[in-house]
Every structure is written in C-alpha cells, then in structure tokens.
Amino acid sequence: MIELEGVPELIDPVMICAFEGWNDAGDAASSAVAHLDREWKGEVFAALDAEDYYDFQVNRPTVWLDGGVRKITWPTTRLSVVRTGGTGGKGAPRDLVLVRGIEPSMRWRSFCNEILGFAHELGVEMVVILGSLLGDTPHTRPVPVSGVTSDPDLARTLDLEESRYEGPTGIVGILQEACTHAGVPAVSLWAAVPHYVSQPPNPKATLALLNRLEDLIDLRIPQGELPEDARAWQLGVDQLAAEDSEVAEYVQSLEEARDTADLPEASGEAIAREFERYLRRRDGQPGPAQPGPPGGLAAEPGLAEGGKDASYLRDTSSGRTRPPRPPARDEDGGAGKGPEEDDGPDDEG
C-alpha cells in the first residue's frame, strides 16, 4: 500500500529517474537528477526499503556522526517532488517527481513495480530515465545524447529512436520496459562519456543530458554553475592530453572520426535548431521537443514486445550495450585493456 499523505497535487508531472552504477558512467545521469533536486529544492517524500533490494556487501551502508550521535545511512532509492512554477513565471508550470538511487542488487521486478506504483498514485504523465555509457567520443566535441523509447507511437511523436537492441541490460532498460508494458509513456536519454576519461564527475555530460531533457519536457532548467564546471573539466582534460603525445594522437583520431560522421549535421537546419536554443535560453522560454543528434549511440534496448500487462515480470530481461571501446595502448604501443575493463560488463553504460 502506497500512502502519499502530505504530497501536494501535482501539475502535469513527469518522473525523472537515474541510478548509480552500471548505467551511470562518469556519474553523469545521477548528477543530473541531483542538479534538478538542488536547483528546485526538492522535498523527499518516500524511500524504498533498503532491505528489499540491496546487497549490503556490495553497496555498504555508511556511518556518520550527528552531534556526537552515530547514525547510519543505508543505500536506497529516494523519491522527491519539485515544483518548478514554470521557471521564474515563464512557460507552463510543470512538476517533477525525481527518483534517485543505486541500481538494486536484487528483486528488480518488485523494484520496478514500486516505482510504477508511485507513478500511478501521483498521476505521472511520462517517465524519463537518464543513463550514461562509455563511448568512442572525444572530450573536445559536444556530448552525444540519444533519446530512446520502446513505444513506436511515442518514437514518432517525439522524434526518438525506437529500441531494437537485444542483450544484457541494467535497471534503466528494465524500468523502461516495465513502464511500456504498464501503459506508462517512457523515454531513456543516454549520454556518451569518453572512455579514456571515465572517472566522475563529468559535468559536460551532465549538462548535455539536462539540455536534452529540457527540450523533451518543454521546461527550462536552470543550469547554475554547470556550464562553468563543464568548461573547467574540458580544459583540465585538454591539459592532461597535451602532456601525453599518444593520448593526444588518439584524441585527434577520435575527433576526425566524429567530424566525418557528423558532417551532414553541419546544415542550415542544425544551425537553426541551435540558434533557437540560444534564443530560448536568452528569453527564458521553453521550446518544442527537438531530436537528439543523429547517430553516435545505439538505441536503448527493448524486451520482447507484448501487451500492456504485468506479464513482463516473468520475461527474460534485455537492454542496452555500451558501444565497443577501442583498445588502449600499452607501454609498447600495442593493444591493451581499456579503462575500467575489470569493473563489470562492457555492454552497457
């Protein structure tokens, strides 16, 4: 039984989700939801029971002191509400339900049912799940962000990619399919993080996700210090790359491949779209949903198609993979292991 006493009636609510772990390269996705919570002063109204979903030997609780009293923070997933108020009185008001936590260790079907229960009780109109993955993308170029859905009608309406992937997945892929089978419109936004600089944080990828989210939900998102943080991050990586000739050469090869692939995007239509974004930000007005950059990322995966019922809870899951990483160079200039190769599967961000 989900009780939501004290939660106000929401206006056109959208649920925004992100989970630390396999689907969160560079912490880009979880940092994006944290940014929304911080900028709009979200109020936590629920937390899932950690005992039900987490292996505490994998995600350990932490002990801290509060005025000399020892307290424990358990790994879990929390839900909060933010009232945007149309962003400074401009644009239509729209409220957000933020879901931020750690990818669960077990009982993923029950986990998704709980999230969907909250979505139903709150009248959520759409669920947007944020993810980030390691990719063959240079840090000097705009971060590729793809918008993916398993709903063909939603793909046409919002000009998104329709998922065709088959293979292993994380909680992002499972939750998206749970929404689809429950009849809840769901979209996944994926940012590609350069695999050679994958350590968190990555404010440039976080900012790219928020910009794509802004277009998707027609709501201007305050950027705070993220643009400056993103510039500082890129300058820092530039300096590190300049100190190693092999890294600099590799980055240049990625730039050339990216520029060749993106050449068709250097069109009047693309330039006009970016100019419209600039004008929207200057005037503080939201705009229509825009398609993400073509190519660069595979579609977020889907499961077997079926009716909108709970039968998905018994299905074998599938999801999204990371794009293949080029081998890192070893000291002799040969192929070696890529970064974080031993941290888990190479199939998903």
Protein backbone atom coordinates (compact mmCIF):
# COMPACT_ATOMS: atom_id res chain seq x y z
CA MET A 1 0.00 0.00 0.00
CA ILE A 2 1.46 3.35 -1.08
CA GLU A 3 0.37 6.30 1.05
CA LEU A 4 1.22 9.77 -0.18
CA GLU A 5 -0.16 11.98 2.58
CA GLY A 6 1.43 15.39 2.51
CA VAL A 7 2.33 15.25 -1.18
CA PRO A 8 0.52 18.11 -2.97
CA GLU A 9 -1.49 17.63 -6.12
CA LEU A 10 0.97 17.87 -8.97
CA ILE A 11 0.69 19.74 -12.27
CA ASP A 12 1.41 17.66 -15.41
CA PRO A 13 4.05 15.66 -13.51
CA VAL A 14 6.97 13.96 -15.22
CA MET A 15 9.05 11.36 -13.36
CA ILE A 16 12.83 11.71 -13.87
CA CYS A 17 14.93 8.71 -12.79
CA ALA A 18 18.64 7.96 -12.53
CA PHE A 19 20.56 5.17 -10.82
CA GLU A 20 24.18 4.99 -9.79
CA GLY A 21 26.13 2.00 -11.05
CA TRP A 22 26.29 0.26 -14.40
CA ASN A 23 24.10 2.80 -16.20
CA ASP A 24 25.89 5.87 -14.83
CA ALA A 25 29.30 6.35 -16.48
CA GLY A 26 31.05 9.39 -15.04
CA ASP A 27 28.10 9.80 -12.63
CA ALA A 28 26.56 11.93 -15.38
CA ALA A 29 22.98 10.67 -15.01
CA SER A 30 22.74 10.66 -11.21
CA SER A 31 24.42 14.10 -11.12
CA ALA A 32 21.75 15.42 -13.49
CA VAL A 33 18.93 14.37 -11.16
CA ALA A 34 20.88 15.71 -8.17
CA HIS A 35 21.18 19.03 -10.00
CA LEU A 36 17.41 19.21 -10.53
CA ASP A 37 16.82 18.39 -6.88
CA ARG A 38 19.30 21.03 -5.75
CA GLU A 39 18.20 23.84 -8.09
CA TRP A 40 14.50 23.38 -7.36
CA LYS A 41 14.86 22.40 -3.70
CA GLY A 42 13.20 19.00 -3.94
CA GLU A 43 11.39 17.56 -0.94
CA VAL A 44 11.89 13.84 -0.27
CA PHE A 45 8.58 12.11 0.39
CA ALA A 46 9.47 8.41 0.14
CA ALA A 47 12.37 5.96 0.23
CA LEU A 48 12.30 2.30 -0.77
CA ASP A 49 13.17 -0.26 1.90
CA ALA A 50 16.89 -0.96 1.51
CA GLU A 51 16.47 -4.48 2.94
CA ASP A 52 14.34 -5.48 -0.04
CA TYR A 53 16.68 -4.52 -2.87
CA TYR A 54 20.31 -4.12 -1.84
CA ASP A 55 23.18 -6.43 -1.00
CA PHE A 56 24.98 -4.53 1.75
CA GLN A 57 28.26 -6.29 0.97
CA VAL A 58 28.09 -4.72 -2.49
CA ASN A 59 26.62 -1.34 -1.53
CA ARG A 60 27.69 -0.84 2.05
CA PRO A 61 25.91 1.49 4.49
CA THR A 62 27.89 4.40 5.90
CA VAL A 63 28.24 5.54 9.50
CA TRP A 64 28.40 9.24 10.40
CA LEU A 65 28.24 11.46 13.47
CA ASP A 66 25.41 13.88 14.14
CA GLY A 67 26.26 15.95 17.19
CA GLY A 68 28.19 13.07 18.69
CA VAL A 69 25.42 10.56 17.91
CA ARG A 70 26.37 7.79 15.46
CA LYS A 71 23.91 7.31 12.63
CA ILE A 72 23.71 5.01 9.63
CA THR A 73 22.79 5.91 6.07
CA TRP A 74 21.54 2.90 4.12
CA PRO A 75 21.91 2.59 0.36
CA THR A 76 18.48 3.03 -1.17
CA THR A 77 16.36 4.87 -3.74
CA ARG A 78 14.57 8.06 -2.74
CA LEU A 79 11.73 9.97 -4.36
CA SER A 80 11.29 13.72 -4.14
CA VAL A 81 8.97 16.32 -5.64
CA VAL A 82 9.98 19.65 -7.14
CA ARG A 83 7.55 22.44 -8.01
CA THR A 84 9.01 24.29 -10.98
CA GLY A 85 6.39 27.03 -11.18
CA GLY A 86 7.02 27.46 -14.90
CA THR A 87 10.61 28.50 -14.22
CA GLY A 88 10.51 32.07 -12.99
CA GLY A 89 6.93 32.61 -14.13
CA LYS A 90 7.75 31.95 -17.79
CA GLY A 91 6.30 28.98 -19.57
CA ALA A 92 3.68 26.50 -18.42
CA PRO A 93 4.21 25.17 -14.87
CA ARG A 94 5.12 21.52 -14.63
CA ASP A 95 6.09 19.49 -11.59
CA LEU A 96 8.74 16.79 -11.46
CA VAL A 97 9.00 13.59 -9.45
CA LEU A 98 12.69 12.79 -9.01
CA VAL A 99 13.82 9.20 -8.45
CA ARG A 100 17.46 8.89 -7.49
CA GLY A 101 19.24 5.89 -6.05
CA ILE A 102 21.56 2.98 -6.63
CA GLU A 103 20.93 0.20 -9.09
CA PRO A 104 19.30 -2.53 -6.97
CA SER A 105 21.14 -5.77 -6.29
CA MET A 106 18.04 -7.99 -6.38
CA ARG A 107 14.25 -8.16 -6.95
CA TRP A 108 14.27 -5.85 -9.95
CA ARG A 109 10.69 -6.72 -10.89
CA SER A 110 9.38 -5.74 -7.46
CA PHE A 111 11.57 -2.64 -7.53
CA CYS A 112 10.01 -1.51 -10.82
CA ASN A 113 6.51 -2.26 -9.51
CA GLU A 114 7.12 0.04 -6.54
CA ILE A 115 8.33 2.85 -8.78
CA LEU A 116 5.32 2.39 -11.07
CA GLY A 117 3.01 2.38 -8.05
CA PHE A 118 4.23 5.83 -7.09
CA ALA A 119 3.94 6.99 -10.70
CA HIS A 120 0.31 5.84 -10.82
CA GLU A 121 -0.65 7.42 -7.50
CA LEU A 122 0.96 10.73 -8.44
CA GLY A 123 -0.62 10.88 -11.90
CA VAL A 124 2.72 10.85 -13.71
CA GLU A 125 2.27 11.51 -17.43
CA MET A 126 5.67 10.31 -18.61
CA VAL A 127 8.77 8.65 -17.16
CA VAL A 128 12.19 9.79 -18.34
CA ILE A 129 15.15 7.62 -17.32
CA LEU A 130 18.63 9.07 -17.61
CA GLY A 131 21.72 6.99 -18.31
CA SER A 132 25.31 7.43 -19.40
CA LEU A 133 27.70 4.99 -21.02
CA LEU A 134 31.32 4.79 -22.12
CA GLY A 135 31.79 5.55 -25.79
CA ASP A 136 34.30 6.33 -28.52
CA THR A 137 33.68 10.06 -28.30
CA PRO A 138 36.29 12.81 -27.95
CA HIS A 139 36.02 15.11 -24.95
CA THR A 140 36.52 18.12 -27.23
CA ARG A 141 33.25 17.67 -29.10
CA PRO A 142 29.61 18.04 -27.99
CA VAL A 143 28.43 15.09 -25.91
CA PRO A 144 26.22 12.75 -27.99
CA VAL A 145 22.84 12.20 -26.32
CA SER A 146 20.30 9.79 -27.75
CA GLY A 147 16.63 9.62 -26.87
CA VAL A 148 15.15 6.12 -27.00
CA THR A 149 11.76 4.55 -26.39
CA SER A 150 10.12 1.14 -26.80
CA ASP A 151 6.81 2.75 -27.80
CA PRO A 152 6.54 3.18 -31.61
CA ASP A 153 3.89 5.91 -31.26
CA LEU A 154 6.00 7.84 -28.78
CA ALA A 155 9.02 7.46 -31.04
CA ARG A 156 7.12 9.09 -33.91
CA THR A 157 5.55 11.81 -31.76
CA LEU A 158 8.76 12.93 -30.05
CA ASP A 159 11.13 12.04 -32.91
CA LEU A 160 13.02 9.47 -30.83
CA GLU A 161 14.83 6.27 -31.72
CA GLU A 162 12.81 3.08 -31.34
CA SER A 163 14.77 0.47 -29.45
CA ARG A 164 15.85 -2.65 -31.35
CA TYR A 165 18.60 -3.89 -29.06
CA GLU A 166 18.79 -7.45 -27.72
CA GLY A 167 21.27 -8.36 -25.00
CA PRO A 168 22.15 -7.76 -21.33
CA THR A 169 20.77 -4.68 -19.64
CA GLY A 170 20.75 -2.67 -16.42
CA ILE A 171 17.92 -1.28 -14.34
CA VAL A 172 17.39 1.52 -16.89
CA GLY A 173 16.39 -0.97 -19.58
CA ILE A 174 14.22 -2.99 -17.19
CA LEU A 175 12.37 0.05 -15.83
CA GLN A 176 11.71 1.39 -19.32
CA GLU A 177 10.18 -1.92 -20.38
CA ALA A 178 8.16 -2.11 -17.16
CA CYS A 179 6.69 1.31 -17.96
CA THR A 180 5.92 0.31 -21.53
CA HIS A 181 4.08 -2.86 -20.51
CA ALA A 182 2.18 -0.95 -17.81
CA GLY A 183 1.00 1.62 -20.36
CA VAL A 184 3.13 4.47 -18.99
CA PRO A 185 4.96 6.52 -21.67
CA ALA A 186 8.69 6.13 -21.05
CA VAL A 187 11.84 7.55 -22.63
CA SER A 188 15.51 6.91 -21.93
CA LEU A 189 18.14 9.58 -22.54
CA TRP A 190 21.71 8.32 -22.88
CA ALA A 191 24.88 10.43 -22.85
CA ALA A 192 28.18 9.06 -24.17
CA VAL A 193 31.17 9.63 -21.87
CA PRO A 194 34.71 9.41 -23.32
CA HIS A 195 36.04 6.04 -22.23
CA TYR A 196 39.56 7.38 -21.76
CA VAL A 197 38.41 9.87 -19.12
CA SER A 198 35.60 7.96 -17.46
CA GLN A 199 36.18 8.86 -13.82
CA PRO A 200 33.48 11.04 -12.24
CA PRO A 201 32.37 13.70 -12.23
CA ASN A 202 31.68 14.63 -15.84
CA PRO A 203 29.78 17.94 -15.76
CA LYS A 204 29.88 18.24 -19.55
CA ALA A 205 27.87 15.02 -19.95
CA THR A 206 25.54 16.04 -17.12
CA LEU A 207 24.86 19.36 -18.84
CA ALA A 208 24.21 17.61 -22.15
CA LEU A 209 21.63 15.33 -20.53
CA LEU A 210 19.87 18.30 -18.93
CA ASN A 211 19.78 20.19 -22.22
CA ARG A 212 18.20 17.20 -23.96
CA LEU A 213 15.75 16.75 -21.07
CA GLU A 214 14.82 20.42 -21.31
CA ASP A 215 13.85 20.00 -24.95
CA LEU A 216 11.95 16.80 -24.25
CA ILE A 217 9.70 18.06 -21.46
CA ASP A 218 9.32 21.70 -22.62
CA LEU A 219 10.69 23.15 -19.41
CA ARG A 220 13.59 25.50 -18.96
CA ILE A 221 16.08 24.05 -16.50
CA PRO A 222 18.34 26.41 -14.53
CA GLN A 223 21.93 25.49 -15.26
CA GLY A 224 23.58 27.00 -12.20
CA GLU A 225 27.35 26.51 -12.28
CA LEU A 226 27.27 23.55 -14.66
CA PRO A 227 28.40 25.46 -17.79
CA GLU A 228 31.45 26.80 -15.98
CA ASP A 229 32.17 23.40 -14.46
CA ALA A 230 31.93 21.81 -17.91
CA ARG A 231 34.40 24.32 -19.37
CA ALA A 232 36.82 23.75 -16.49
CA TRP A 233 36.51 19.98 -16.93
CA GLN A 234 37.33 20.18 -20.63
CA LEU A 235 40.30 22.46 -20.03
CA GLY A 236 41.61 20.05 -17.43
CA VAL A 237 41.34 17.09 -19.80
CA ASP A 238 42.95 19.18 -22.55
CA GLN A 239 45.95 19.78 -20.33
CA LEU A 240 46.27 16.12 -19.39
CA ALA A 241 46.02 15.03 -23.02
CA ALA A 242 48.63 17.57 -24.09
CA GLU A 243 51.14 16.03 -21.68
CA ASP A 244 50.98 12.62 -23.43
CA SER A 245 51.63 12.51 -27.15
CA GLU A 246 49.96 9.12 -27.58
CA VAL A 247 46.80 10.30 -25.85
CA ALA A 248 46.79 13.48 -27.91
CA GLU A 249 47.16 11.46 -31.10
CA TYR A 250 44.34 9.15 -30.09
CA VAL A 251 42.03 12.07 -29.25
CA GLN A 252 42.80 13.56 -32.65
CA SER A 253 41.79 10.31 -34.35
CA LEU A 254 38.50 10.33 -32.44
CA GLU A 255 37.91 13.94 -33.45
CA GLU A 256 38.45 13.13 -37.12
CA ALA A 257 36.10 10.14 -36.96
CA ARG A 258 33.46 12.17 -35.14
CA ASP A 259 33.69 15.13 -37.50
CA THR A 260 33.37 12.85 -40.52
CA ALA A 261 30.32 11.13 -39.05
CA ASP A 262 28.70 14.44 -38.07
CA LEU A 263 29.38 16.22 -41.36
CA PRO A 264 25.72 16.05 -42.50
CA GLU A 265 24.72 17.77 -39.25
CA ALA A 266 26.57 20.92 -40.33
CA SER A 267 23.45 22.01 -42.20
CA GLY A 268 21.19 25.04 -42.14
CA GLU A 269 18.58 23.08 -40.22
CA ALA A 270 21.05 22.09 -37.50
CA ILE A 271 22.38 25.64 -37.18
CA ALA A 272 18.83 26.99 -36.96
CA ARG A 273 18.00 24.49 -34.22
CA GLU A 274 20.99 25.56 -32.13
CA PHE A 275 20.14 29.23 -32.67
CA GLU A 276 16.58 28.61 -31.48
CA ARG A 277 18.01 27.01 -28.33
CA TYR A 278 20.15 30.10 -27.74
CA LEU A 279 17.16 32.41 -28.15
CA ARG A 280 15.05 30.25 -25.82
CA ARG A 281 17.68 30.43 -23.11
CA ARG A 282 18.11 34.18 -23.53
CA ASP A 283 14.35 34.80 -23.34
CA GLY A 284 13.73 32.14 -20.72
CA GLN A 285 11.14 30.36 -22.82
CA PRO A 286 10.75 26.60 -23.29
CA GLY A 287 10.51 25.30 -26.82
CA PRO A 288 9.24 22.29 -28.70
CA ALA A 289 10.90 18.95 -28.26
CA GLN A 290 13.86 18.58 -30.58
CA PRO A 291 15.51 15.44 -31.87
CA GLY A 292 18.86 14.49 -30.44
CA PRO A 293 21.95 14.34 -32.61
CA PRO A 294 21.75 11.54 -35.14
CA GLY A 295 23.99 8.53 -34.82
CA GLY A 296 26.71 8.05 -32.24
CA LEU A 297 24.76 5.74 -29.94
CA ALA A 298 22.82 2.55 -30.41
CA ALA A 299 19.17 2.54 -29.40
CA GLU A 300 18.33 1.78 -25.79
CA PRO A 301 17.28 -1.82 -25.80
CA GLY A 302 13.88 -3.32 -25.50
CA LEU A 303 12.45 -6.67 -24.49
CA ALA A 304 10.09 -8.87 -26.38
CA GLU A 305 7.03 -6.91 -27.45
CA GLY A 306 3.78 -7.70 -25.73
CA GLY A 307 0.57 -6.37 -24.21
CA LYS A 308 0.38 -3.74 -21.51
CA ASP A 309 0.08 -6.05 -18.53
CA ALA A 310 2.26 -7.42 -15.75
CA SER A 311 3.46 -10.39 -17.78
CA TYR A 312 6.79 -8.64 -18.31
CA LEU A 313 7.63 -9.52 -14.73
CA ARG A 314 8.24 -13.09 -15.80
CA ASP A 315 10.13 -12.28 -19.00
CA THR A 316 13.84 -12.61 -19.54
CA SER A 317 15.31 -9.10 -19.48
CA SER A 318 17.39 -7.39 -22.07
CA GLY A 319 18.78 -3.90 -22.50
CA ARG A 320 21.45 -1.62 -23.85
CA THR A 321 25.11 -2.14 -24.52
CA ARG A 322 28.00 0.22 -24.42
CA PRO A 323 29.49 0.89 -27.81
CA PRO A 324 32.68 -1.12 -28.30
CA ARG A 325 35.77 0.60 -26.96
CA PRO A 326 38.96 0.85 -28.95
CA PRO A 327 41.89 -0.82 -27.20
CA ALA A 328 44.09 1.37 -25.05
CA ARG A 329 47.77 1.50 -25.90
CA ASP A 330 50.20 -0.27 -23.64
CA GLU A 331 53.66 0.97 -22.94
CA ASP A 332 54.93 -0.66 -26.12
CA GLY A 333 52.28 0.99 -28.28
CA GLY A 334 50.30 -2.25 -28.67
CA ALA A 335 46.73 -3.02 -27.74
CA GLY A 336 45.91 -3.33 -24.08
CA LYS A 337 42.92 -3.33 -21.80
CA GLY A 338 40.60 -0.37 -21.86
CA PRO A 339 39.84 1.65 -18.74
CA GLU A 340 37.61 0.01 -16.14
CA GLU A 341 37.66 -3.24 -18.10
CA ASP A 342 37.57 -5.26 -14.92
CA ASP A 343 34.80 -3.26 -13.25
CA GLY A 344 31.93 -5.08 -14.88
CA PRO A 345 30.38 -5.91 -18.24
CA ASP A 346 31.43 -3.84 -21.23
CA ASP A 347 27.94 -3.95 -22.66
CA GLU A 348 26.20 -1.01 -21.10
CA GLY A 349 26.93 2.44 -19.74
